[in-house]
Protein backbone atom coordinates (compact mmCIF):
# COMPACT_ATOMS: atom_id res chain seq x y z
CA UNK A 1 100.80 53.74 -72.93
CA UNK A 2 97.63 55.07 -71.27
CA UNK A 3 96.78 58.68 -71.97
CA UNK A 4 96.30 61.13 -69.13
CA UNK A 5 92.71 62.18 -68.69
CA UNK A 6 93.44 65.34 -66.73
CA UNK A 7 96.67 67.24 -66.11
CA UNK A 8 97.45 69.65 -63.28
CA UNK A 9 100.59 71.49 -62.22
CA UNK A 10 101.81 73.23 -59.08
CA UNK A 11 104.96 75.17 -58.27
CA UNK A 12 107.41 74.57 -55.41
CA UNK A 13 108.07 77.38 -52.98
CA UNK A 14 111.53 78.26 -51.67
CA UNK A 15 110.84 75.80 -48.82
CA UNK A 16 109.93 72.98 -51.28
CA UNK A 17 106.25 73.21 -50.43
CA UNK A 18 103.37 73.23 -52.88
CA UNK A 19 99.61 73.47 -52.96
CA UNK A 20 97.85 70.38 -54.22
CA UNK A 21 95.68 71.60 -57.10
CA UNK A 22 91.95 71.36 -56.48
CA UNK A 23 91.59 69.04 -59.48
CA UNK A 24 93.95 66.55 -57.78
CA UNK A 25 92.31 66.99 -54.36
CA UNK A 26 88.93 66.21 -55.89
CA UNK A 27 90.20 63.22 -57.86
CA UNK A 28 91.82 61.72 -54.73
CA UNK A 29 88.96 62.76 -52.41
CA UNK A 30 91.43 64.61 -50.19
CA UNK A 31 90.37 66.75 -47.28
CA UNK A 32 92.20 68.80 -44.69
CA UNK A 33 94.61 66.72 -42.57
CA UNK A 34 94.53 63.78 -45.04
CA UNK A 35 97.84 62.15 -45.90
CA UNK A 36 99.23 61.77 -49.41
CA UNK A 37 101.22 58.71 -50.48
CA UNK A 38 103.95 59.03 -53.12
CA UNK A 39 105.08 55.90 -54.98
CA UNK A 40 108.34 56.40 -56.88
CA UNK A 41 108.63 54.04 -59.83
CA UNK A 42 111.86 52.72 -61.37
CA UNK A 43 111.43 54.95 -64.42
CA UNK A 44 111.34 58.05 -62.20
CA UNK A 45 107.61 58.64 -62.44
CA UNK A 46 105.84 59.35 -59.18
CA UNK A 47 102.32 58.14 -58.45
CA UNK A 48 100.35 60.19 -55.97
CA UNK A 49 97.47 58.64 -54.07
CA UNK A 50 95.47 59.12 -50.92
CA UNK A 51 97.17 57.28 -48.06
CA UNK A 52 95.05 54.80 -46.17
CA UNK A 53 95.32 55.03 -42.41
CA UNK A 54 96.98 51.98 -40.92
CA UNK A 55 96.52 52.93 -37.31
CA UNK A 56 95.87 49.77 -35.35
CA UNK A 57 93.58 49.56 -32.38
CA UNK A 58 94.88 46.80 -30.08
CA UNK A 59 91.47 46.25 -28.50
CA UNK A 60 89.74 46.00 -31.86
CA UNK A 61 92.48 43.70 -33.20
CA UNK A 62 92.10 41.47 -30.12
CA UNK A 63 88.34 41.36 -30.59
CA UNK A 64 88.70 40.40 -34.26
CA UNK A 65 91.17 37.69 -33.29
CA UNK A 66 88.71 36.40 -30.67
CA UNK A 67 85.91 36.30 -33.25
CA UNK A 68 88.09 34.52 -35.78
CA UNK A 69 89.15 31.87 -33.28
CA UNK A 70 85.61 31.39 -32.02
CA UNK A 71 84.24 31.02 -35.54
CA UNK A 72 86.88 28.42 -36.38
CA UNK A 73 86.33 26.44 -33.20
CA UNK A 74 82.52 26.59 -33.35
CA UNK A 75 81.74 26.81 -37.04
CA UNK A 76 78.74 24.52 -36.47
CA UNK A 77 77.04 27.38 -34.61
CA UNK A 78 77.32 29.88 -37.49
CA UNK A 79 74.03 30.95 -39.05
CA UNK A 80 73.12 32.89 -42.14
CA UNK A 81 71.79 36.38 -41.56
CA UNK A 82 68.06 36.23 -42.28
CA UNK A 83 65.90 38.94 -43.80
CA UNK A 84 64.16 39.40 -40.42
CA UNK A 85 67.51 39.92 -38.68
CA UNK A 86 68.43 42.58 -41.27
CA UNK A 87 65.10 44.29 -40.77
CA UNK A 88 65.57 44.28 -36.98
CA UNK A 89 68.98 45.94 -37.32
CA UNK A 90 67.62 48.53 -39.75
CA UNK A 91 64.82 49.37 -37.30
CA UNK A 92 67.29 49.72 -34.44
CA UNK A 93 69.47 52.24 -36.26
CA UNK A 94 66.98 54.08 -38.48
CA UNK A 95 67.02 57.26 -36.34
CA UNK A 96 70.72 57.12 -35.46
CA UNK A 97 72.80 59.91 -36.97
CA UNK A 98 76.56 59.46 -37.20
CA UNK A 99 79.19 62.03 -38.12
CA UNK A 100 82.51 60.19 -38.43
CA UNK A 101 84.38 63.51 -38.52
CA UNK A 102 83.17 64.56 -35.06
CA UNK A 103 85.71 64.04 -32.31
CA UNK A 104 84.79 61.73 -29.46
CA UNK A 105 84.04 63.26 -26.11
CA UNK A 106 86.84 62.73 -23.59
CA UNK A 107 84.72 60.29 -21.57
CA UNK A 108 84.00 58.22 -24.71
CA UNK A 109 87.64 57.63 -25.64
């Protein structure tokens, strides 16, 4: 049986709530508003992990489906990405700053 590297505890409140210890938050890379996934095993142990968002974007899914179909139907047109193409992309985005935690403006949604 594997030995635990770190151990943390927390106490339930009267309303069955608890604070996730900072050690656990750091290990799972949890932030505010993140979702926690609990996996209950047959032996009664519970695994806690960071839940991965499974929100689907119908437009994005349709686009990926279009690309997949097009690639299958026209695989003779596929080309390897060259070093020059990579350099061109890097030049295009070198001064672009992105903050994925910033909400979109209403007109951008």
